[in-house]
Amino acid sequence: MDVLRAPMGWNSWDCYGAAVTEETVRRNADFMAKHLKKYGWEYIVVDIQWYEPNATTHEYRQFTELCMDGYSRLIPAENRFPSAADGQGFKPLSDYVHSLGLKFGIHIMRGIPRQAVHRNTPVKGTSVTARSIAKTASICAWNTDMYGVDPLKEGARAYYDSIFELYASWGVDFIKCDDIARELPHEESELIMLSESLRSCGRDMVLSLSPGPALLEKAELYKQTSNMWRITDDFWDDWKLLYNMFERCEKWSAHNGAGHWADADMLPVGPLRQDYDVSEVTKFTEAEQRTMMTLWCIFRSPLMIGGEMTKFDDFTMRLLTNEALLAMHEKSRHAHQVWRRQMAGTEIVLWTAVCADGGQYFALFNIGDADCEISLDMKELEIYRETELMEIWSGKKAHAGTEIRVGLGAHDCKAFLAGR
């Protein structure tokens, strides 16, 4: 699928883990349609374990009973997704999301259910069974639901064709496929087969690969087989993870473009981890959240909200609806790090990107622990004349000569559009 802009949406993982329910999805879809859709947010993605009837927390239950149809394909647990009753699967929920003007996505694991292999259930449209196509030595290190599928076995491609046929009938627009990006040399052939099945199913779907860190030397393969791929393991509200993301984004920035996106992972904003009896709000400070959003947007990562949207405060809403920032996410081109320096008693990073409508974006990040004021020589951005600047977060405009002075709080940033 050709995706001209990095996808923007909500995913249930950060706030509900394995315990997501239909009521949760509908509630958040309603909120997005009412408050965020007009800013470009559009995907509602149901994350892992939607086929597990007894999931109640973030945690996985090992070797547990899963909901499965007669053709070795996982289906929604009806006690958690009541509209899936009578064999309807995710079609009613998908139809509801579409009725709001949004798009619907699901998480899947690479491979075929172990349960199907142990029961030796059939593969649709073939005379083979799950056991005959499984690669039982290919297993996920952190989830027990699946075995890999051996692309060399008769019926292997038919199995993947059958699951994407099912997802297409449900009206799925987005597939987050897990256990397929990080140890790619072992599973590369399965990724290629899966991608070919998806692309031949008759419905456009975004294909997102997880978990990370993806392998930089396989960048061209990711571009040819998917729309987005994780460049990190699960990203949470921890400053050390955000600090490390600057190095990851620097390495991957050359590979972002229309239809293929290096994915810096979820935006852990607002209330998180809601599957327990406490409401835990992001540990990121407001400054750190601005830094995260600015880096994701100039780099053009996909943007997937992680928090329970119906509980967002005013700051979180302003964070996610800044039109100048989201315009940078859409219109940034050829983004890259200019330099990373120790200066003014702290550590500063400078990024820049071309604006597709004319002008030049740049962002200064203070990733050290001390407030500072710095001077930026505009020649370092190859800007040699006086130019008008718009500060992205505030909308304030000013004229800049040969240099500008910028005050930056610890872990905070400033971003600008120059010369449009």
Protein backbone atom coordinates (compact mmCIF):
# COMPACT_ATOMS: atom_id res chain seq x y z
CA MET A 1 0.00 0.00 0.00
CA ASP A 2 1.31 3.45 -0.88
CA VAL A 3 1.21 5.57 2.26
CA LEU A 4 2.17 9.15 1.42
CA ARG A 5 2.25 10.24 5.05
CA ALA A 6 3.53 8.27 8.01
CA PRO A 7 0.43 6.75 9.70
CA MET A 8 -1.13 8.52 12.69
CA GLY A 9 -3.40 6.75 15.13
CA TRP A 10 -3.97 5.03 18.48
CA ASN A 11 -2.89 1.58 19.63
CA SER A 12 -4.26 -0.16 22.72
CA TRP A 13 -0.96 -1.66 23.99
CA ASP A 14 0.40 1.09 26.26
CA CYS A 15 -2.83 1.46 28.22
CA TYR A 16 -4.35 -2.05 28.13
CA GLY A 17 -1.68 -4.55 27.10
CA ALA A 18 -3.18 -7.98 26.48
CA ALA A 19 -6.47 -6.99 28.13
CA VAL A 20 -8.02 -4.72 25.47
CA THR A 21 -11.80 -5.03 25.00
CA GLU A 22 -14.35 -3.93 22.44
CA GLU A 23 -15.79 -1.32 24.82
CA THR A 24 -12.33 0.23 25.18
CA VAL A 25 -11.80 0.34 21.43
CA ARG A 26 -15.19 1.90 20.72
CA ARG A 27 -14.72 4.51 23.45
CA ASN A 28 -11.35 5.60 22.12
CA ALA A 29 -12.55 5.56 18.52
CA ASP A 30 -15.41 7.88 19.48
CA PHE A 31 -12.94 10.25 21.13
CA MET A 32 -10.59 10.27 18.15
CA ALA A 33 -13.41 10.92 15.72
CA LYS A 34 -14.71 13.84 17.79
CA HIS A 35 -11.46 15.49 18.87
CA LEU A 36 -8.46 14.33 16.79
CA LYS A 37 -9.57 13.20 13.34
CA LYS A 38 -9.52 16.73 11.92
CA TYR A 39 -5.79 16.94 12.76
CA GLY A 40 -4.94 13.81 10.74
CA TRP A 41 -5.26 11.07 13.37
CA GLU A 42 -7.13 8.15 11.81
CA TYR A 43 -6.04 4.61 12.78
CA ILE A 44 -7.57 2.64 15.67
CA VAL A 45 -5.43 -0.47 16.29
CA VAL A 46 -6.32 -3.42 18.53
CA ASP A 47 -3.07 -4.82 19.90
CA ILE A 48 -2.08 -8.33 21.01
CA GLN A 49 -4.12 -11.21 22.49
CA TRP A 50 -7.56 -10.24 21.16
CA TYR A 51 -8.09 -13.98 20.60
CA GLU A 52 -7.36 -14.91 24.26
CA PRO A 53 -10.58 -15.10 26.32
CA ASN A 54 -9.00 -14.90 29.78
CA ALA A 55 -6.52 -12.04 29.31
CA THR A 56 -7.03 -9.44 32.06
CA THR A 57 -3.68 -7.61 32.39
CA HIS A 58 -0.67 -6.51 30.35
CA GLU A 59 0.84 -9.97 30.85
CA TYR A 60 0.66 -12.98 28.53
CA ARG A 61 -0.73 -16.30 29.78
CA GLN A 62 1.58 -19.02 28.50
CA PHE A 63 0.24 -21.97 26.50
CA THR A 64 -3.34 -20.86 27.13
CA GLU A 65 -6.44 -21.75 25.13
CA LEU A 66 -7.05 -19.40 22.18
CA CYS A 67 -10.12 -18.72 20.05
CA MET A 68 -9.66 -20.28 16.62
CA ASP A 69 -11.82 -21.16 13.62
CA GLY A 70 -11.85 -24.48 11.78
CA TYR A 71 -9.04 -23.42 9.43
CA SER A 72 -6.27 -22.77 11.99
CA ARG A 73 -6.98 -19.00 12.09
CA LEU A 74 -7.29 -16.99 15.31
CA ILE A 75 -10.57 -15.12 15.85
CA PRO A 76 -11.69 -12.52 18.44
CA ALA A 77 -12.66 -13.75 21.90
CA GLU A 78 -16.41 -13.13 22.05
CA ASN A 79 -16.45 -12.45 25.80
CA ARG A 80 -14.14 -9.47 25.17
CA PHE A 81 -15.46 -8.52 21.71
CA PRO A 82 -19.19 -9.34 21.83
CA SER A 83 -19.92 -8.14 18.30
CA ALA A 84 -17.71 -10.97 17.00
CA ALA A 85 -20.42 -13.52 17.87
CA ASP A 86 -21.89 -15.83 15.24
CA GLY A 87 -18.67 -15.93 13.24
CA GLN A 88 -18.65 -12.22 12.43
CA GLY A 89 -15.11 -11.68 13.65
CA PHE A 90 -13.96 -8.06 13.68
CA LYS A 91 -16.32 -7.01 10.88
CA PRO A 92 -18.90 -5.25 13.13
CA LEU A 93 -16.21 -3.40 15.10
CA SER A 94 -14.39 -2.46 11.90
CA ASP A 95 -17.66 -1.21 10.39
CA TYR A 96 -18.22 0.94 13.47
CA VAL A 97 -14.74 2.47 13.26
CA HIS A 98 -15.24 3.13 9.55
CA SER A 99 -18.62 4.76 10.25
CA LEU A 100 -16.71 7.37 12.27
CA GLY A 101 -14.49 8.19 9.30
CA LEU A 102 -11.53 6.30 10.81
CA LYS A 103 -9.50 3.22 9.86
CA PHE A 104 -9.25 -0.09 11.72
CA GLY A 105 -6.17 -2.17 12.52
CA ILE A 106 -5.18 -5.31 14.40
CA HIS A 107 -2.03 -6.87 15.84
CA ILE A 108 -1.00 -10.34 14.69
CA MET A 109 1.86 -12.68 15.53
CA ARG A 110 4.00 -14.18 12.79
CA GLY A 111 3.21 -17.82 12.14
CA ILE A 112 0.48 -20.36 12.87
CA PRO A 113 -1.07 -21.11 16.28
CA ARG A 114 0.68 -23.85 18.28
CA GLN A 115 -2.82 -24.91 19.20
CA ALA A 116 -3.59 -25.54 15.53
CA VAL A 117 -0.39 -27.55 15.13
CA HIS A 118 -1.09 -29.70 18.19
CA ARG A 119 -4.66 -30.37 17.01
CA ASN A 120 -3.51 -30.76 13.39
CA THR A 121 -6.35 -28.62 12.04
CA PRO A 122 -6.78 -27.97 8.30
CA VAL A 123 -5.49 -25.07 6.20
CA LYS A 124 -8.24 -23.50 4.11
CA GLY A 125 -8.25 -24.35 0.40
CA THR A 126 -5.70 -27.17 0.73
CA SER A 127 -5.41 -30.80 1.72
CA VAL A 128 -2.62 -30.01 4.19
CA THR A 129 -2.80 -29.37 7.92
CA ALA A 130 -1.22 -26.94 10.34
CA ARG A 131 1.31 -29.53 11.48
CA SER A 132 2.67 -30.05 7.98
CA ILE A 133 3.52 -26.35 7.39
CA ALA A 134 4.78 -25.39 10.86
CA LYS A 135 8.43 -24.66 11.58
CA THR A 136 8.37 -25.84 15.18
CA ALA A 137 11.92 -24.69 15.89
CA SER A 138 10.91 -21.13 14.98
CA ILE A 139 9.27 -19.74 18.10
CA CYS A 140 8.85 -16.35 19.72
CA ALA A 141 11.06 -15.77 22.75
CA TRP A 142 8.40 -13.85 24.70
CA ASN A 143 5.02 -15.23 23.60
CA THR A 144 3.94 -18.87 23.34
CA ASP A 145 1.03 -18.53 20.93
CA MET A 146 2.67 -19.39 17.61
CA TYR A 147 5.09 -21.52 15.63
CA GLY A 148 6.71 -20.14 12.51
CA VAL A 149 5.53 -21.19 9.06
CA ASP A 150 8.00 -22.88 6.71
CA PRO A 151 7.77 -21.18 3.28
CA LEU A 152 9.19 -24.28 1.60
CA LYS A 153 6.25 -26.45 2.65
CA GLU A 154 3.23 -27.05 0.44
CA GLY A 155 0.31 -25.05 1.82
CA ALA A 156 2.41 -22.47 3.66
CA ARG A 157 1.52 -19.62 1.32
CA ALA A 158 -2.10 -20.81 1.29
CA TYR A 159 -2.24 -20.39 5.06
CA TYR A 160 -1.09 -16.78 4.85
CA ASP A 161 -3.44 -16.18 1.92
CA SER A 162 -6.29 -17.49 4.09
CA ILE A 163 -5.61 -15.22 7.06
CA PHE A 164 -5.37 -12.09 4.93
CA GLU A 165 -8.52 -13.14 3.08
CA LEU A 166 -10.19 -13.26 6.51
CA TYR A 167 -8.80 -9.87 7.57
CA ALA A 168 -9.89 -8.33 4.28
CA SER A 169 -13.42 -9.64 4.86
CA TRP A 170 -13.37 -7.95 8.27
CA GLY A 171 -12.38 -4.62 6.68
CA VAL A 172 -8.96 -4.37 8.29
CA ASP A 173 -6.83 -1.40 7.14
CA PHE A 174 -3.69 -1.86 9.24
CA ILE A 175 -1.71 -4.95 10.27
CA LYS A 176 0.89 -4.78 13.03
CA CYS A 177 2.82 -8.02 12.59
CA ASP A 178 4.95 -9.01 15.58
CA ASP A 179 7.98 -11.29 16.07
CA ILE A 180 9.24 -10.59 12.57
CA ALA A 181 11.57 -7.56 12.47
CA ARG A 182 14.28 -8.10 15.08
CA GLU A 183 15.82 -11.50 14.21
CA LEU A 184 15.22 -11.21 10.51
CA PRO A 185 17.98 -13.44 9.10
CA HIS A 186 16.14 -16.43 10.58
CA GLU A 187 12.67 -15.36 9.39
CA GLU A 188 13.32 -13.34 6.23
CA SER A 189 11.65 -15.80 3.88
CA GLU A 190 8.52 -15.86 6.03
CA LEU A 191 8.34 -12.05 5.93
CA ILE A 192 8.53 -12.08 2.14
CA MET A 193 5.78 -14.70 1.91
CA LEU A 194 3.57 -12.85 4.39
CA SER A 195 4.03 -9.57 2.52
CA GLU A 196 3.15 -11.16 -0.82
CA SER A 197 -0.02 -12.67 0.67
CA LEU A 198 -1.11 -9.35 2.13
CA ARG A 199 -0.54 -7.51 -1.12
CA SER A 200 -2.58 -10.03 -3.09
CA CYS A 201 -5.59 -10.15 -0.72
CA GLY A 202 -7.59 -7.52 -2.61
CA ARG A 203 -7.64 -4.90 0.15
CA ASP A 204 -5.15 -2.12 0.88
CA MET A 205 -3.59 -2.59 4.32
CA VAL A 206 -0.65 -0.88 5.99
CA LEU A 207 1.92 -3.45 7.11
CA SER A 208 3.83 -2.57 10.28
CA LEU A 209 6.68 -4.81 11.52
CA SER A 210 7.62 -5.35 15.18
CA PRO A 211 9.47 -5.59 17.46
CA GLY A 212 12.71 -3.70 17.09
CA PRO A 213 15.44 -2.90 16.89
CA ALA A 214 15.22 -3.60 13.17
CA LEU A 215 18.43 -4.40 11.33
CA LEU A 216 19.91 -1.43 9.49
CA GLU A 217 21.55 -3.67 6.89
CA LYS A 218 18.07 -4.97 5.95
CA ALA A 219 16.55 -1.52 5.36
CA GLU A 220 15.88 -2.14 1.67
CA LEU A 221 14.08 -5.39 2.44
CA TYR A 222 11.83 -3.66 4.97
CA LYS A 223 11.00 -0.99 2.39
CA GLN A 224 10.11 -3.60 -0.21
CA THR A 225 7.95 -5.73 2.08
CA SER A 226 6.28 -3.30 4.52
CA ASN A 227 5.23 0.27 5.22
CA MET A 228 6.82 0.71 8.65
CA TRP A 229 9.23 -1.16 10.89
CA ARG A 230 10.25 -0.69 14.49
CA ILE A 231 13.73 0.69 15.15
CA THR A 232 13.50 0.04 18.89
CA ASP A 233 12.19 -2.48 21.37
CA ASP A 234 9.08 -1.32 23.26
CA PHE A 235 9.41 2.42 23.87
CA TRP A 236 8.12 3.59 27.25
CA ASP A 237 8.06 6.80 29.29
CA ASP A 238 11.70 6.63 30.38
CA TRP A 239 14.12 9.47 29.59
CA LYS A 240 16.98 7.03 28.91
CA LEU A 241 14.96 5.48 26.08
CA LEU A 242 14.19 8.89 24.58
CA TYR A 243 17.84 9.97 24.89
CA ASN A 244 18.91 6.83 23.02
CA MET A 245 16.34 7.44 20.30
CA PHE A 246 18.40 10.32 18.91
CA GLU A 247 21.13 7.89 17.85
CA ARG A 248 18.58 5.49 16.33
CA CYS A 249 16.85 8.24 14.36
CA GLU A 250 20.17 9.56 13.06
CA LYS A 251 21.02 6.13 11.66
CA TRP A 252 17.61 5.52 10.07
CA SER A 253 16.75 8.99 8.74
CA ALA A 254 17.98 8.27 5.21
CA HIS A 255 15.42 5.49 4.83
CA ASN A 256 12.20 7.44 5.44
CA GLY A 257 10.08 8.35 2.44
CA ALA A 258 6.63 8.02 0.92
CA GLY A 259 5.35 4.52 1.59
CA HIS A 260 8.07 3.36 3.99
CA TRP A 261 8.79 4.61 7.49
CA ALA A 262 11.27 3.79 10.22
CA ASP A 263 9.08 3.55 13.31
CA ALA A 264 10.26 5.04 16.61
CA ASP A 265 7.29 3.29 18.29
CA MET A 266 4.45 4.45 20.48
CA LEU A 267 3.82 7.84 22.03
CA PRO A 268 3.45 7.03 25.76
CA VAL A 269 1.40 10.12 26.62
CA GLY A 270 -1.52 10.61 28.98
CA PRO A 271 -2.85 7.77 31.17
CA LEU A 272 -0.97 4.50 30.60
CA ARG A 273 -1.19 0.91 31.96
CA GLN A 274 -4.91 1.08 32.65
CA ASP A 275 -5.42 -2.69 32.98
CA TYR A 276 -4.64 -2.60 36.69
CA ASP A 277 -6.59 -0.86 39.47
CA VAL A 278 -4.56 2.34 39.22
CA SER A 279 -4.50 5.11 36.65
CA GLU A 280 -0.84 5.65 35.82
CA VAL A 281 0.01 8.84 33.95
CA THR A 282 3.09 9.14 31.73
CA LYS A 283 6.35 9.68 33.60
CA PHE A 284 7.63 12.02 30.88
CA THR A 285 7.75 15.69 31.86
CA GLU A 286 6.03 18.21 29.61
CA ALA A 287 9.45 19.19 28.22
CA GLU A 288 10.28 15.56 27.44
CA GLN A 289 6.95 15.08 25.70
CA ARG A 290 7.65 18.11 23.49
CA THR A 291 11.08 16.69 22.69
CA MET A 292 9.60 13.32 21.79
CA MET A 293 6.91 14.79 19.55
CA THR A 294 9.35 17.14 17.84
CA LEU A 295 11.86 14.39 17.09
CA TRP A 296 9.16 11.98 15.85
CA CYS A 297 7.69 14.71 13.61
CA ILE A 298 10.84 16.08 11.99
CA PHE A 299 12.14 12.50 11.53
CA ARG A 300 8.69 11.50 10.19
CA SER A 301 8.13 8.47 12.36
CA PRO A 302 4.62 7.01 12.42
CA LEU A 303 2.67 8.51 15.32
CA MET A 304 0.75 6.02 17.45
CA ILE A 305 -0.85 7.35 20.63
CA GLY A 306 -0.48 5.01 23.59
CA GLY A 307 -2.64 6.58 26.30
CA GLU A 308 -6.33 6.27 27.18
CA MET A 309 -7.59 9.16 25.11
CA THR A 310 -10.81 9.82 27.01
CA LYS A 311 -8.73 10.84 30.05
CA PHE A 312 -6.40 13.28 28.29
CA ASP A 313 -5.71 16.59 30.02
CA ASP A 314 -5.38 19.96 28.28
CA PHE A 315 -1.60 19.67 27.87
CA THR A 316 -1.85 16.29 26.14
CA MET A 317 -4.48 17.62 23.78
CA ARG A 318 -2.31 20.62 22.89
CA LEU A 319 0.62 18.26 22.37
CA LEU A 320 -1.30 16.19 19.82
CA THR A 321 -3.13 18.98 18.00
CA ASN A 322 -0.41 21.53 17.28
CA GLU A 323 -1.09 22.18 13.61
CA ALA A 324 2.36 23.59 12.80
CA LEU A 325 4.03 20.55 14.37
CA LEU A 326 1.78 18.09 12.53
CA ALA A 327 2.42 20.03 9.30
CA MET A 328 6.14 19.40 9.88
CA HIS A 329 5.35 15.68 10.28
CA GLU A 330 3.57 15.71 6.94
CA LYS A 331 5.86 18.03 4.97
CA SER A 332 9.35 17.31 6.32
CA ARG A 333 11.68 15.95 3.62
CA HIS A 334 15.29 14.71 3.77
CA ALA A 335 15.42 15.10 7.55
CA HIS A 336 18.78 14.49 9.18
CA GLN A 337 20.91 15.36 12.16
CA VAL A 338 23.28 18.27 11.48
CA TRP A 339 25.37 17.90 14.63
CA ARG A 340 25.43 16.72 18.23
CA ARG A 341 27.64 18.74 20.58
CA GLN A 342 28.62 19.35 24.16
CA MET A 343 28.12 23.09 24.65
CA ALA A 344 26.91 25.61 27.22
CA GLY A 345 27.32 23.02 29.95
CA THR A 346 24.90 20.55 28.36
CA GLU A 347 24.37 18.41 25.22
CA ILE A 348 22.64 19.90 22.17
CA VAL A 349 21.40 18.21 19.00
CA LEU A 350 20.48 20.05 15.79
CA TRP A 351 18.19 18.52 13.15
CA THR A 352 17.01 20.01 9.89
CA ALA A 353 14.67 19.10 7.02
CA VAL A 354 13.31 20.65 3.84
CA CYS A 355 9.66 21.73 3.94
CA ALA A 356 7.74 20.35 0.95
CA ASP A 357 5.90 23.69 0.62
CA GLY A 358 9.09 25.72 0.69
CA GLY A 359 11.38 26.84 3.46
CA GLN A 360 13.40 24.81 5.92
CA TYR A 361 12.61 23.20 9.25
CA PHE A 362 15.14 22.95 12.04
CA ALA A 363 14.97 21.80 15.65
CA LEU A 364 17.32 22.27 18.59
CA PHE A 365 17.16 19.69 21.37
CA ASN A 366 18.72 20.05 24.81
CA ILE A 367 19.26 16.40 25.77
CA GLY A 368 21.47 17.27 28.71
CA ASP A 369 20.43 17.96 32.28
CA ALA A 370 21.12 21.72 32.53
CA ASP A 371 19.17 24.71 31.19
CA CYS A 372 21.12 26.77 28.68
CA GLU A 373 21.15 29.61 26.19
CA ILE A 374 23.01 29.05 22.93
CA SER A 375 23.83 30.92 19.74
CA LEU A 376 23.16 29.18 16.45
CA ASP A 377 25.09 30.36 13.40
CA MET A 378 22.54 30.15 10.58
CA LYS A 379 25.31 29.23 8.13
CA GLU A 380 25.34 25.81 9.82
CA LEU A 381 21.91 25.36 8.26
CA GLU A 382 23.19 26.79 4.97
CA ILE A 383 20.98 29.83 5.45
CA TYR A 384 23.03 32.87 4.36
CA ARG A 385 20.54 35.74 4.41
CA GLU A 386 18.09 37.29 6.81
CA THR A 387 15.02 35.13 7.00
CA GLU A 388 11.68 34.98 8.75
CA LEU A 389 11.31 32.31 11.43
CA MET A 390 8.16 30.76 12.86
CA GLU A 391 8.58 28.92 16.14
CA ILE A 392 6.60 25.68 15.77
CA TRP A 393 5.28 25.20 19.31
CA SER A 394 4.29 28.82 20.03
CA GLY A 395 3.53 30.08 16.53
CA LYS A 396 5.57 33.24 17.22
CA LYS A 397 7.34 34.86 14.27
CA ALA A 398 10.62 36.74 14.15
CA HIS A 399 13.38 37.75 11.76
CA ALA A 400 16.78 36.09 12.00
CA GLY A 401 20.08 37.47 10.79
CA THR A 402 23.36 35.59 10.74
CA GLU A 403 22.68 33.96 14.10
CA ILE A 404 19.90 33.42 16.62
CA ARG A 405 19.99 33.00 20.38
CA VAL A 406 17.82 30.24 21.81
CA GLY A 407 17.04 29.42 25.43
CA LEU A 408 16.48 25.71 26.10
CA GLY A 409 15.37 24.04 29.30
CA ALA A 410 16.82 20.64 30.22
CA HIS A 411 15.28 17.86 28.10
CA ASP A 412 13.35 20.48 26.11
CA CYS A 413 13.51 21.71 22.52
CA LYS A 414 12.64 24.50 20.10
CA ALA A 415 11.65 23.97 16.47
CA PHE A 416 11.35 26.50 13.65
CA LEU A 417 10.24 26.93 10.06
CA ALA A 418 12.63 29.30 8.25
CA GLY A 419 12.19 31.30 5.09
CA ARG A 420 8.88 30.08 3.75
